[in-house]
Amino acid sequence: MHTQHRCPWVGDDPLYVKYHDEEWGLPLHDDQQWFEFLSLEAFQAGLSWYTILLKRENFQRAFDHFDPERVANYGETKVAELLADAGIVRNRLKVRATIHNAQVFLKLQQTHGSFDQYIWQFVEGKPIQNHWKQMKDVPANTPLSDKLSKTLKKEGFKFMGSTVVYAFMQATGLVNDHLMHCFRQKEVAAYSESDY
């Protein structure tokens, strides 16, 4: 049987394989998913993505499936409940930042019609196709992630440093950073083309 070549960061953990093969790098267009990725990437700051992935279902349950309207209205009782939830990352600053970020997210939706329309303008509506050969070629951040990070912070978002933002861009398909030998590189690129 022909083994499929994947990006080396995946390893052979079924959870990671599924995430890499089905989600990572696919262009997103659903506002609730956008908010989920924004939130999870912010929670990831200083931790490994794998830690977040393991807890992802717990996060979805705890945060009402990242419905931004519900999260934006969380009060102190809900904050206390989240901080007592061992299934998620219990970081007070990040929990409060998620609620605050939901409020910023809703403002952007109102101004731009959708967060999707807002965020895609940073890449002129089309995913950036990179052609990396090795993991060491892939940057941790770029001038564009610096710019987007600054802009998101100016809008009011928290935990949006350039490295977090670049990981967010990779995960949501704003950039295609699958390595050239990875079977998903062409699939994701084709998906991007057919989508616009």
N, C-alpha and C. Protein backbone atom coordinates (compact mmCIF):
# COMPACT_ATOMS: atom_id res chain seq x y z
N MET A 1 0.83 -1.20 0.00
CA MET A 1 0.00 0.00 0.00
C MET A 1 0.87 1.25 0.00
N HIS A 2 0.50 2.20 -0.82
CA HIS A 2 1.28 3.43 -0.94
C HIS A 2 1.09 4.27 0.32
N THR A 3 2.19 4.58 1.00
CA THR A 3 2.04 5.42 2.19
C THR A 3 2.04 6.89 1.75
N GLN A 4 1.14 7.63 2.37
CA GLN A 4 1.04 9.04 2.01
C GLN A 4 2.05 9.85 2.81
N HIS A 5 2.73 10.71 2.12
CA HIS A 5 3.70 11.58 2.81
C HIS A 5 2.97 12.77 3.40
N ARG A 6 3.27 13.01 4.67
CA ARG A 6 2.64 14.15 5.36
C ARG A 6 3.72 15.10 5.87
N CYS A 7 3.30 16.26 6.29
CA CYS A 7 4.21 17.19 6.96
C CYS A 7 4.77 16.48 8.20
N PRO A 8 6.08 16.55 8.43
CA PRO A 8 6.70 15.78 9.51
C PRO A 8 6.22 16.12 10.92
N TRP A 9 5.62 17.31 11.13
CA TRP A 9 5.17 17.65 12.49
C TRP A 9 4.01 16.78 12.96
N VAL A 10 3.37 16.09 12.02
CA VAL A 10 2.16 15.33 12.36
C VAL A 10 2.46 14.09 13.21
N GLY A 11 3.55 13.39 12.86
CA GLY A 11 3.83 12.14 13.57
C GLY A 11 2.77 11.10 13.24
N ASP A 12 2.49 10.18 14.16
CA ASP A 12 1.50 9.15 13.82
C ASP A 12 0.33 9.08 14.80
N ASP A 13 0.17 10.12 15.60
CA ASP A 13 -0.98 10.17 16.50
C ASP A 13 -2.25 10.37 15.67
N PRO A 14 -3.23 9.46 15.82
CA PRO A 14 -4.45 9.52 15.01
C PRO A 14 -5.16 10.89 15.06
N LEU A 15 -5.15 11.51 16.22
CA LEU A 15 -5.81 12.81 16.39
C LEU A 15 -5.12 13.88 15.53
N TYR A 16 -3.80 13.86 15.57
CA TYR A 16 -3.00 14.81 14.79
C TYR A 16 -3.14 14.54 13.30
N VAL A 17 -3.12 13.25 12.92
CA VAL A 17 -3.24 12.85 11.52
C VAL A 17 -4.57 13.34 10.95
N LYS A 18 -5.64 13.12 11.71
CA LYS A 18 -6.99 13.52 11.26
C LYS A 18 -7.05 15.06 11.10
N TYR A 19 -6.50 15.76 12.06
CA TYR A 19 -6.49 17.23 12.01
C TYR A 19 -5.70 17.71 10.79
N HIS A 20 -4.54 17.14 10.57
CA HIS A 20 -3.70 17.52 9.43
C HIS A 20 -4.38 17.19 8.10
N ASP A 21 -4.96 15.99 8.01
CA ASP A 21 -5.52 15.52 6.74
C ASP A 21 -6.86 16.16 6.40
N GLU A 22 -7.61 16.59 7.41
CA GLU A 22 -8.97 17.06 7.13
C GLU A 22 -9.19 18.55 7.36
N GLU A 23 -8.32 19.16 8.19
CA GLU A 23 -8.61 20.55 8.55
C GLU A 23 -7.49 21.53 8.27
N TRP A 24 -6.28 21.20 8.69
CA TRP A 24 -5.19 22.17 8.70
C TRP A 24 -4.92 22.71 7.31
N GLY A 25 -5.01 24.03 7.17
CA GLY A 25 -4.68 24.66 5.90
C GLY A 25 -5.84 24.80 4.93
N LEU A 26 -6.99 24.21 5.26
CA LEU A 26 -8.15 24.37 4.37
C LEU A 26 -8.73 25.77 4.56
N PRO A 27 -9.02 26.48 3.46
CA PRO A 27 -9.57 27.82 3.59
C PRO A 27 -10.93 27.82 4.32
N LEU A 28 -10.98 28.57 5.41
CA LEU A 28 -12.21 28.67 6.22
C LEU A 28 -13.12 29.77 5.69
N HIS A 29 -14.42 29.55 5.84
CA HIS A 29 -15.37 30.61 5.47
C HIS A 29 -16.56 30.69 6.43
N ASP A 30 -16.43 30.08 7.58
CA ASP A 30 -17.54 30.03 8.53
C ASP A 30 -17.16 30.85 9.77
N ASP A 31 -17.96 31.86 10.08
CA ASP A 31 -17.59 32.78 11.15
C ASP A 31 -17.43 32.09 12.52
N GLN A 32 -18.29 31.12 12.80
CA GLN A 32 -18.16 30.46 14.10
C GLN A 32 -16.85 29.68 14.18
N GLN A 33 -16.44 29.07 13.06
CA GLN A 33 -15.16 28.36 13.03
C GLN A 33 -14.00 29.35 13.14
N TRP A 34 -14.16 30.50 12.50
CA TRP A 34 -13.13 31.54 12.63
C TRP A 34 -12.93 31.88 14.11
N PHE A 35 -14.05 32.07 14.82
CA PHE A 35 -13.93 32.44 16.23
C PHE A 35 -13.32 31.30 17.05
N GLU A 36 -13.67 30.07 16.70
CA GLU A 36 -13.08 28.93 17.42
C GLU A 36 -11.56 28.92 17.25
N PHE A 37 -11.09 29.09 16.01
CA PHE A 37 -9.64 29.07 15.78
C PHE A 37 -8.93 30.25 16.45
N LEU A 38 -9.55 31.43 16.38
CA LEU A 38 -8.98 32.60 17.07
C LEU A 38 -8.81 32.29 18.56
N SER A 39 -9.84 31.69 19.14
CA SER A 39 -9.83 31.41 20.58
C SER A 39 -8.82 30.32 20.93
N LEU A 40 -8.83 29.23 20.15
CA LEU A 40 -7.92 28.12 20.46
C LEU A 40 -6.46 28.52 20.26
N GLU A 41 -6.19 29.31 19.23
CA GLU A 41 -4.81 29.75 19.01
C GLU A 41 -4.37 30.66 20.17
N ALA A 42 -5.28 31.50 20.67
CA ALA A 42 -4.94 32.36 21.80
C ALA A 42 -4.67 31.51 23.05
N PHE A 43 -5.46 30.47 23.25
CA PHE A 43 -5.23 29.56 24.38
C PHE A 43 -3.90 28.82 24.23
N GLN A 44 -3.51 28.62 22.97
CA GLN A 44 -2.28 27.86 22.72
C GLN A 44 -1.03 28.64 23.07
N ALA A 45 -1.11 29.97 23.09
CA ALA A 45 0.08 30.80 23.34
C ALA A 45 0.89 30.23 24.50
N GLY A 46 2.14 29.86 24.23
CA GLY A 46 3.02 29.31 25.26
C GLY A 46 2.86 27.82 25.49
N LEU A 47 1.93 27.18 24.80
CA LEU A 47 1.71 25.73 24.95
C LEU A 47 1.85 25.07 23.58
N SER A 48 1.74 23.74 23.55
CA SER A 48 1.79 23.08 22.24
C SER A 48 0.38 22.97 21.68
N TRP A 49 0.29 22.97 20.35
CA TRP A 49 -1.02 22.85 19.70
C TRP A 49 -1.65 21.51 20.05
N TYR A 50 -0.80 20.51 20.25
CA TYR A 50 -1.31 19.18 20.58
C TYR A 50 -2.09 19.20 21.90
N THR A 51 -1.59 19.96 22.86
CA THR A 51 -2.29 20.11 24.16
C THR A 51 -3.70 20.62 23.94
N ILE A 52 -3.82 21.61 23.04
CA ILE A 52 -5.12 22.23 22.75
C ILE A 52 -6.02 21.24 22.00
N LEU A 53 -5.42 20.54 21.04
CA LEU A 53 -6.18 19.57 20.24
C LEU A 53 -6.79 18.48 21.12
N LEU A 54 -6.01 18.01 22.09
CA LEU A 54 -6.50 16.99 23.02
C LEU A 54 -7.72 17.47 23.81
N LYS A 55 -7.75 18.77 24.08
CA LYS A 55 -8.82 19.34 24.90
C LYS A 55 -9.90 20.03 24.05
N ARG A 56 -9.77 19.92 22.74
CA ARG A 56 -10.64 20.71 21.86
C ARG A 56 -12.13 20.45 22.10
N GLU A 57 -12.51 19.20 22.25
CA GLU A 57 -13.94 18.90 22.48
C GLU A 57 -14.42 19.50 23.79
N ASN A 58 -13.55 19.47 24.80
CA ASN A 58 -13.90 20.08 26.08
C ASN A 58 -14.07 21.59 25.93
N PHE A 59 -13.17 22.20 25.16
CA PHE A 59 -13.28 23.64 24.89
C PHE A 59 -14.61 23.95 24.19
N GLN A 60 -14.94 23.13 23.19
CA GLN A 60 -16.18 23.37 22.44
C GLN A 60 -17.40 23.29 23.37
N ARG A 61 -17.38 22.29 24.23
CA ARG A 61 -18.48 22.12 25.18
C ARG A 61 -18.53 23.31 26.16
N ALA A 62 -17.37 23.66 26.72
CA ALA A 62 -17.30 24.71 27.74
C ALA A 62 -17.66 26.09 27.20
N PHE A 63 -17.31 26.33 25.94
CA PHE A 63 -17.53 27.66 25.35
C PHE A 63 -18.71 27.68 24.36
N ASP A 64 -19.71 26.86 24.60
CA ASP A 64 -20.91 26.88 23.74
C ASP A 64 -20.57 26.79 22.26
N HIS A 65 -19.65 25.88 21.94
CA HIS A 65 -19.21 25.68 20.54
C HIS A 65 -18.73 26.97 19.89
N PHE A 66 -18.18 27.84 20.73
CA PHE A 66 -17.59 29.11 20.26
C PHE A 66 -18.58 29.95 19.47
N ASP A 67 -19.81 29.98 19.97
CA ASP A 67 -20.80 30.91 19.43
C ASP A 67 -20.41 32.30 19.98
N PRO A 68 -19.92 33.20 19.11
CA PRO A 68 -19.39 34.47 19.63
C PRO A 68 -20.41 35.29 20.41
N GLU A 69 -21.68 35.22 20.01
CA GLU A 69 -22.70 36.02 20.73
C GLU A 69 -22.87 35.53 22.16
N ARG A 70 -22.85 34.21 22.32
CA ARG A 70 -23.00 33.67 23.68
C ARG A 70 -21.77 33.97 24.52
N VAL A 71 -20.59 33.75 23.91
CA VAL A 71 -19.33 33.97 24.66
C VAL A 71 -19.19 35.44 25.06
N ALA A 72 -19.60 36.35 24.18
CA ALA A 72 -19.48 37.79 24.45
C ALA A 72 -20.29 38.21 25.68
N ASN A 73 -21.30 37.41 25.99
CA ASN A 73 -22.18 37.77 27.12
C ASN A 73 -21.88 37.01 28.41
N TYR A 74 -20.78 36.27 28.44
CA TYR A 74 -20.43 35.55 29.67
C TYR A 74 -20.18 36.54 30.81
N GLY A 75 -20.73 36.20 31.98
CA GLY A 75 -20.50 37.03 33.17
C GLY A 75 -19.57 36.32 34.15
N GLU A 76 -19.50 36.85 35.36
CA GLU A 76 -18.56 36.32 36.37
C GLU A 76 -18.86 34.87 36.76
N THR A 77 -20.13 34.51 36.80
CA THR A 77 -20.49 33.13 37.18
C THR A 77 -19.89 32.16 36.18
N LYS A 78 -20.01 32.51 34.90
CA LYS A 78 -19.49 31.65 33.83
C LYS A 78 -17.96 31.60 33.88
N VAL A 79 -17.33 32.74 34.18
CA VAL A 79 -15.87 32.78 34.29
C VAL A 79 -15.42 31.81 35.38
N ALA A 80 -16.09 31.86 36.52
CA ALA A 80 -15.74 30.97 37.64
C ALA A 80 -15.91 29.51 37.24
N GLU A 81 -16.98 29.25 36.51
CA GLU A 81 -17.27 27.89 36.05
C GLU A 81 -16.16 27.39 35.11
N LEU A 82 -15.73 28.26 34.20
CA LEU A 82 -14.66 27.90 33.25
C LEU A 82 -13.35 27.66 33.98
N LEU A 83 -13.07 28.49 34.98
CA LEU A 83 -11.81 28.34 35.71
C LEU A 83 -11.80 27.09 36.59
N ALA A 84 -12.99 26.53 36.81
CA ALA A 84 -13.07 25.30 37.60
C ALA A 84 -13.13 24.05 36.70
N ASP A 85 -13.09 24.28 35.37
CA ASP A 85 -13.25 23.18 34.41
C ASP A 85 -11.89 22.58 34.06
N ALA A 86 -11.62 21.39 34.60
CA ALA A 86 -10.31 20.74 34.38
C ALA A 86 -10.11 20.28 32.93
N GLY A 87 -11.19 20.28 32.15
CA GLY A 87 -11.10 19.80 30.78
C GLY A 87 -10.48 20.81 29.81
N ILE A 88 -10.35 22.06 30.26
CA ILE A 88 -9.78 23.10 29.38
C ILE A 88 -8.50 23.65 30.02
N VAL A 89 -7.89 24.62 29.36
CA VAL A 89 -6.73 25.30 29.93
C VAL A 89 -7.27 26.39 30.86
N ARG A 90 -7.01 26.22 32.16
CA ARG A 90 -7.60 27.16 33.12
C ARG A 90 -6.66 28.33 33.37
N ASN A 91 -6.70 29.26 32.48
CA ASN A 91 -5.86 30.44 32.58
C ASN A 91 -6.79 31.65 32.61
N ARG A 92 -6.79 32.32 33.74
CA ARG A 92 -7.74 33.43 33.94
C ARG A 92 -7.63 34.49 32.85
N LEU A 93 -6.40 34.89 32.52
CA LEU A 93 -6.21 35.92 31.49
C LEU A 93 -6.75 35.48 30.15
N LYS A 94 -6.52 34.21 29.81
CA LYS A 94 -6.96 33.71 28.50
C LYS A 94 -8.49 33.53 28.46
N VAL A 95 -9.07 33.12 29.57
CA VAL A 95 -10.53 32.98 29.63
C VAL A 95 -11.17 34.35 29.45
N ARG A 96 -10.67 35.34 30.19
CA ARG A 96 -11.22 36.70 30.06
C ARG A 96 -10.96 37.27 28.67
N ALA A 97 -9.78 36.97 28.12
CA ALA A 97 -9.45 37.47 26.78
C ALA A 97 -10.42 36.88 25.74
N THR A 98 -10.82 35.63 25.91
CA THR A 98 -11.74 34.98 24.96
C THR A 98 -13.09 35.70 24.95
N ILE A 99 -13.56 36.07 26.14
CA ILE A 99 -14.84 36.79 26.25
C ILE A 99 -14.71 38.18 25.60
N HIS A 100 -13.61 38.84 25.92
CA HIS A 100 -13.34 40.16 25.35
C HIS A 100 -13.20 40.06 23.82
N ASN A 101 -12.47 39.05 23.36
CA ASN A 101 -12.27 38.86 21.91
C ASN A 101 -13.59 38.60 21.19
N ALA A 102 -14.50 37.92 21.87
CA ALA A 102 -15.83 37.67 21.26
C ALA A 102 -16.56 38.99 21.02
N GLN A 103 -16.40 39.93 21.94
CA GLN A 103 -17.05 41.24 21.80
C GLN A 103 -16.45 42.01 20.62
N VAL A 104 -15.12 41.94 20.49
CA VAL A 104 -14.43 42.59 19.36
C VAL A 104 -14.86 41.93 18.05
N PHE A 105 -14.94 40.60 18.07
CA PHE A 105 -15.33 39.81 16.90
C PHE A 105 -16.72 40.25 16.40
N LEU A 106 -17.66 40.43 17.32
CA LEU A 106 -19.02 40.85 16.95
C LEU A 106 -19.02 42.25 16.33
N LYS A 107 -18.19 43.13 16.87
CA LYS A 107 -18.09 44.48 16.30
C LYS A 107 -17.62 44.42 14.85
N LEU A 108 -16.59 43.59 14.62
CA LEU A 108 -16.06 43.45 13.26
C LEU A 108 -17.10 42.85 12.32
N GLN A 109 -17.88 41.91 12.84
CA GLN A 109 -18.96 41.32 12.03
C GLN A 109 -19.94 42.40 11.60
N GLN A 110 -20.30 43.25 12.53
CA GLN A 110 -21.26 44.32 12.23
C GLN A 110 -20.69 45.29 11.19
N THR A 111 -19.43 45.65 11.37
CA THR A 111 -18.80 46.62 10.46
C THR A 111 -18.59 46.06 9.06
N HIS A 112 -18.21 44.79 8.98
CA HIS A 112 -17.78 44.22 7.69
C HIS A 112 -18.77 43.22 7.09
N GLY A 113 -19.89 42.99 7.77
CA GLY A 113 -20.87 42.02 7.25
C GLY A 113 -20.58 40.63 7.76
N SER A 114 -19.29 40.27 7.84
CA SER A 114 -18.90 39.00 8.46
C SER A 114 -17.41 39.09 8.79
N PHE A 115 -16.99 38.29 9.75
CA PHE A 115 -15.56 38.25 10.06
C PHE A 115 -14.80 37.69 8.86
N ASP A 116 -15.44 36.75 8.17
CA ASP A 116 -14.85 36.12 6.99
C ASP A 116 -14.43 37.19 5.96
N GLN A 117 -15.33 38.12 5.68
CA GLN A 117 -15.01 39.18 4.72
C GLN A 117 -13.87 40.06 5.22
N TYR A 118 -13.88 40.30 6.52
CA TYR A 118 -12.84 41.14 7.12
C TYR A 118 -11.46 40.49 6.98
N ILE A 119 -11.37 39.22 7.36
CA ILE A 119 -10.05 38.58 7.48
C ILE A 119 -9.43 38.25 6.12
N TRP A 120 -10.27 37.89 5.15
CA TRP A 120 -9.72 37.50 3.84
C TRP A 120 -9.11 38.67 3.08
N GLN A 121 -9.50 39.90 3.45
CA GLN A 121 -8.94 41.05 2.73
C GLN A 121 -7.42 41.17 2.94
N PHE A 122 -6.92 40.58 4.04
CA PHE A 122 -5.48 40.68 4.33
C PHE A 122 -4.63 39.87 3.35
N VAL A 123 -5.26 38.91 2.68
CA VAL A 123 -4.53 38.14 1.65
C VAL A 123 -5.19 38.36 0.28
N GLU A 124 -5.91 39.47 0.18
CA GLU A 124 -6.61 39.84 -1.06
C GLU A 124 -7.56 38.75 -1.53
N GLY A 125 -8.20 38.09 -0.57
CA GLY A 125 -9.25 37.13 -0.90
C GLY A 125 -8.78 35.79 -1.41
N LYS A 126 -7.47 35.55 -1.39
CA LYS A 126 -6.96 34.31 -1.96
C LYS A 126 -5.83 33.76 -1.10
N PRO A 127 -5.86 32.47 -0.78
CA PRO A 127 -4.80 31.91 0.07
C PRO A 127 -3.41 32.10 -0.56
N ILE A 128 -2.44 32.39 0.29
CA ILE A 128 -1.05 32.48 -0.16
C ILE A 128 -0.51 31.05 -0.29
N GLN A 129 0.00 30.72 -1.46
CA GLN A 129 0.53 29.37 -1.70
C GLN A 129 2.04 29.37 -1.50
N ASN A 130 2.48 28.76 -0.41
CA ASN A 130 3.92 28.64 -0.19
C ASN A 130 4.41 27.31 -0.74
N HIS A 131 5.71 27.22 -0.95
CA HIS A 131 6.28 26.00 -1.54
C HIS A 131 7.51 25.57 -0.75
N TRP A 132 7.28 25.32 0.55
CA TRP A 132 8.39 24.93 1.42
C TRP A 132 8.79 23.47 1.16
N LYS A 133 10.09 23.22 1.22
CA LYS A 133 10.56 21.84 1.04
C LYS A 133 10.80 21.15 2.38
N GLN A 134 11.25 21.91 3.37
CA GLN A 134 11.55 21.31 4.67
C GLN A 134 10.95 22.15 5.79
N MET A 135 10.76 21.48 6.93
CA MET A 135 10.19 22.16 8.09
C MET A 135 10.99 23.40 8.47
N LYS A 136 12.32 23.30 8.37
CA LYS A 136 13.15 24.43 8.81
C LYS A 136 12.97 25.67 7.92
N ASP A 137 12.38 25.47 6.74
CA ASP A 137 12.14 26.62 5.85
C ASP A 137 10.91 27.42 6.27
N VAL A 138 10.02 26.78 7.00
CA VAL A 138 8.74 27.42 7.34
C VAL A 138 8.95 28.44 8.46
N PRO A 139 8.58 29.69 8.22
CA PRO A 139 8.82 30.72 9.25
C PRO A 139 7.84 30.61 10.42
N ALA A 140 8.25 31.17 11.57
CA ALA A 140 7.36 31.20 12.74
C ALA A 140 6.43 32.41 12.63
N ASN A 141 6.88 33.40 11.88
CA ASN A 141 6.04 34.57 11.61
C ASN A 141 6.59 35.25 10.35
N THR A 142 5.80 36.14 9.78
CA THR A 142 6.16 36.79 8.53
C THR A 142 5.79 38.28 8.62
N PRO A 143 6.24 39.09 7.67
CA PRO A 143 5.82 40.50 7.68
C PRO A 143 4.29 40.63 7.67
N LEU A 144 3.62 39.72 6.96
CA LEU A 144 2.16 39.79 6.91
C LEU A 144 1.54 39.44 8.27
N SER A 145 2.09 38.42 8.96
CA SER A 145 1.54 38.09 10.28
C SER A 145 1.84 39.22 11.27
N ASP A 146 2.99 39.90 11.08
CA ASP A 146 3.29 41.08 11.92
C ASP A 146 2.21 42.14 11.72
N LYS A 147 1.89 42.38 10.46
CA LYS A 147 0.90 43.41 10.12
C LYS A 147 -0.49 43.03 10.66
N LEU A 148 -0.86 41.77 10.43
CA LEU A 148 -2.18 41.31 10.89
C LEU A 148 -2.26 41.33 12.42
N SER A 149 -1.18 40.92 13.06
CA SER A 149 -1.11 40.95 14.53
C SER A 149 -1.34 42.37 15.05
N LYS A 150 -0.62 43.32 14.47
CA LYS A 150 -0.77 44.74 14.87
C LYS A 150 -2.20 45.22 14.67
N THR A 151 -2.78 44.85 13.50
CA THR A 151 -4.13 45.30 13.18
C THR A 151 -5.15 44.69 14.14
N LEU A 152 -5.03 43.38 14.40
CA LEU A 152 -5.98 42.72 15.30
C LEU A 152 -5.87 43.30 16.71
N LYS A 153 -4.64 43.60 17.14
CA LYS A 153 -4.47 44.20 18.47
C LYS A 153 -5.10 45.59 18.51
N LYS A 154 -4.94 46.33 17.41
CA LYS A 154 -5.51 47.67 17.34
C LYS A 154 -7.04 47.60 17.40
N GLU A 155 -7.60 46.54 16.78
CA GLU A 155 -9.06 46.34 16.84
C GLU A 155 -9.48 46.01 18.27
N GLY A 156 -8.54 45.51 19.09
CA GLY A 156 -8.85 45.20 20.48
C GLY A 156 -8.62 43.76 20.89
N PHE A 157 -8.23 42.90 19.93
CA PHE A 157 -8.00 41.49 20.27
C PHE A 157 -6.80 41.32 21.20
N LYS A 158 -6.91 40.33 22.10
CA LYS A 158 -5.81 40.03 23.02
C LYS A 158 -5.20 38.66 22.67
N PHE A 159 -3.96 38.45 23.10
CA PHE A 159 -3.20 37.21 22.81
C PHE A 159 -3.07 36.99 21.31
N MET A 160 -2.73 38.05 20.60
CA MET A 160 -2.61 37.96 19.14
C MET A 160 -1.23 38.41 18.68
N GLY A 161 -0.20 37.86 19.31
CA GLY A 161 1.17 38.14 18.86
C GLY A 161 1.39 37.57 17.46
N SER A 162 2.46 37.99 16.82
CA SER A 162 2.69 37.62 15.42
C SER A 162 2.82 36.09 15.23
N THR A 163 3.45 35.40 16.17
CA THR A 163 3.62 33.94 16.03
C THR A 163 2.28 33.23 16.17
N VAL A 164 1.46 33.67 17.11
CA VAL A 164 0.10 33.12 17.28
C VAL A 164 -0.70 33.37 16.00
N VAL A 165 -0.59 34.58 15.49
CA VAL A 165 -1.34 34.95 14.28
C VAL A 165 -0.88 34.13 13.08
N TYR A 166 0.43 33.87 12.97
CA TYR A 166 0.88 33.07 11.83
C TYR A 166 0.35 31.63 11.92
N ALA A 167 0.37 31.07 13.13
CA ALA A 167 -0.19 29.72 13.32
C ALA A 167 -1.68 29.70 12.95
N PHE A 168 -2.38 30.78 13.30
CA PHE A 168 -3.79 30.96 12.97
C PHE A 168 -3.98 31.01 11.45
N MET A 169 -3.10 31.76 10.77
CA MET A 169 -3.18 31.87 9.31
C MET A 169 -2.94 30.51 8.63
N GLN A 170 -2.00 29.74 9.18
CA GLN A 170 -1.70 28.41 8.63
C GLN A 170 -2.89 27.46 8.82
N ALA A 171 -3.45 27.49 10.00
CA ALA A 171 -4.53 26.55 10.34
C ALA A 171 -5.78 26.80 9.51
N THR A 172 -6.05 28.08 9.21
CA THR A 172 -7.32 28.44 8.58
C THR A 172 -7.22 28.64 7.07
N GLY A 173 -6.04 28.36 6.52
CA GLY A 173 -5.91 28.39 5.06
C GLY A 173 -5.64 29.76 4.46
N LEU A 174 -5.37 30.76 5.29
CA LEU A 174 -4.96 32.05 4.72
C LEU A 174 -3.62 31.86 4.02
N VAL A 175 -2.82 30.93 4.55
CA VAL A 175 -1.61 30.49 3.84
C VAL A 175 -1.63 28.96 3.76
N ASN A 176 -1.10 28.43 2.67
CA ASN A 176 -0.95 26.98 2.52
C ASN A 176 0.51 26.65 2.82
N ASP A 177 0.74 26.14 4.02
CA ASP A 177 2.10 25.81 4.44
C ASP A 177 2.37 24.31 4.51
N HIS A 178 1.54 23.52 3.83
CA HIS A 178 1.88 22.10 3.70
C HIS A 178 3.17 22.02 2.90
N LEU A 179 4.10 21.17 3.32
CA LEU A 179 5.36 21.02 2.59
C LEU A 179 5.11 20.42 1.22
N MET A 180 6.04 20.64 0.30
CA MET A 180 5.84 20.21 -1.09
C MET A 180 5.66 18.70 -1.23
N HIS A 181 6.30 17.91 -0.36
CA HIS A 181 6.17 16.45 -0.50
C HIS A 181 4.91 15.92 0.18
N CYS A 182 4.17 16.80 0.87
CA CYS A 182 2.97 16.36 1.60
C CYS A 182 1.80 16.23 0.62
N PHE A 183 1.06 15.13 0.74
CA PHE A 183 -0.04 14.89 -0.22
C PHE A 183 -1.12 15.97 -0.13
N ARG A 184 -1.20 16.66 1.00
CA ARG A 184 -2.23 17.70 1.17
C ARG A 184 -1.87 19.01 0.47
N GLN A 185 -0.59 19.20 0.13
CA GLN A 185 -0.18 20.47 -0.47
C GLN A 185 -1.00 20.76 -1.72
N LYS A 186 -1.04 19.79 -2.63
CA LYS A 186 -1.76 19.98 -3.91
C LYS A 186 -3.28 20.00 -3.68
N GLU A 187 -3.75 19.13 -2.78
CA GLU A 187 -5.20 19.08 -2.50
C GLU A 187 -5.70 20.42 -1.98
N VAL A 188 -4.96 20.97 -1.03
CA VAL A 188 -5.36 22.25 -0.43
C VAL A 188 -5.25 23.37 -1.47
N ALA A 189 -4.18 23.33 -2.28
CA ALA A 189 -4.00 24.35 -3.33
C ALA A 189 -5.16 24.28 -4.32
N ALA A 190 -5.56 23.06 -4.69
CA ALA A 190 -6.66 22.88 -5.66
C ALA A 190 -7.97 23.39 -5.04
N TYR A 191 -8.16 23.10 -3.78
CA TYR A 191 -9.36 23.55 -3.06
C TYR A 191 -9.41 25.08 -3.08
N SER A 192 -8.26 25.69 -2.84
CA SER A 192 -8.20 27.16 -2.82
C SER A 192 -8.58 27.74 -4.18
N GLU A 193 -8.06 27.11 -5.24
CA GLU A 193 -8.33 27.60 -6.59
C GLU A 193 -9.82 27.50 -6.92
N SER A 194 -10.40 26.36 -6.60
CA SER A 194 -11.79 26.12 -7.00
C SER A 194 -12.76 26.96 -6.18
N ASP A 195 -12.25 27.49 -5.08
CA ASP A 195 -13.13 28.17 -4.14
C ASP A 195 -13.41 29.62 -4.50
N TYR A 196 -12.57 30.16 -5.37
CA TYR A 196 -12.70 31.60 -5.62
C TYR A 196 -13.01 31.88 -7.07
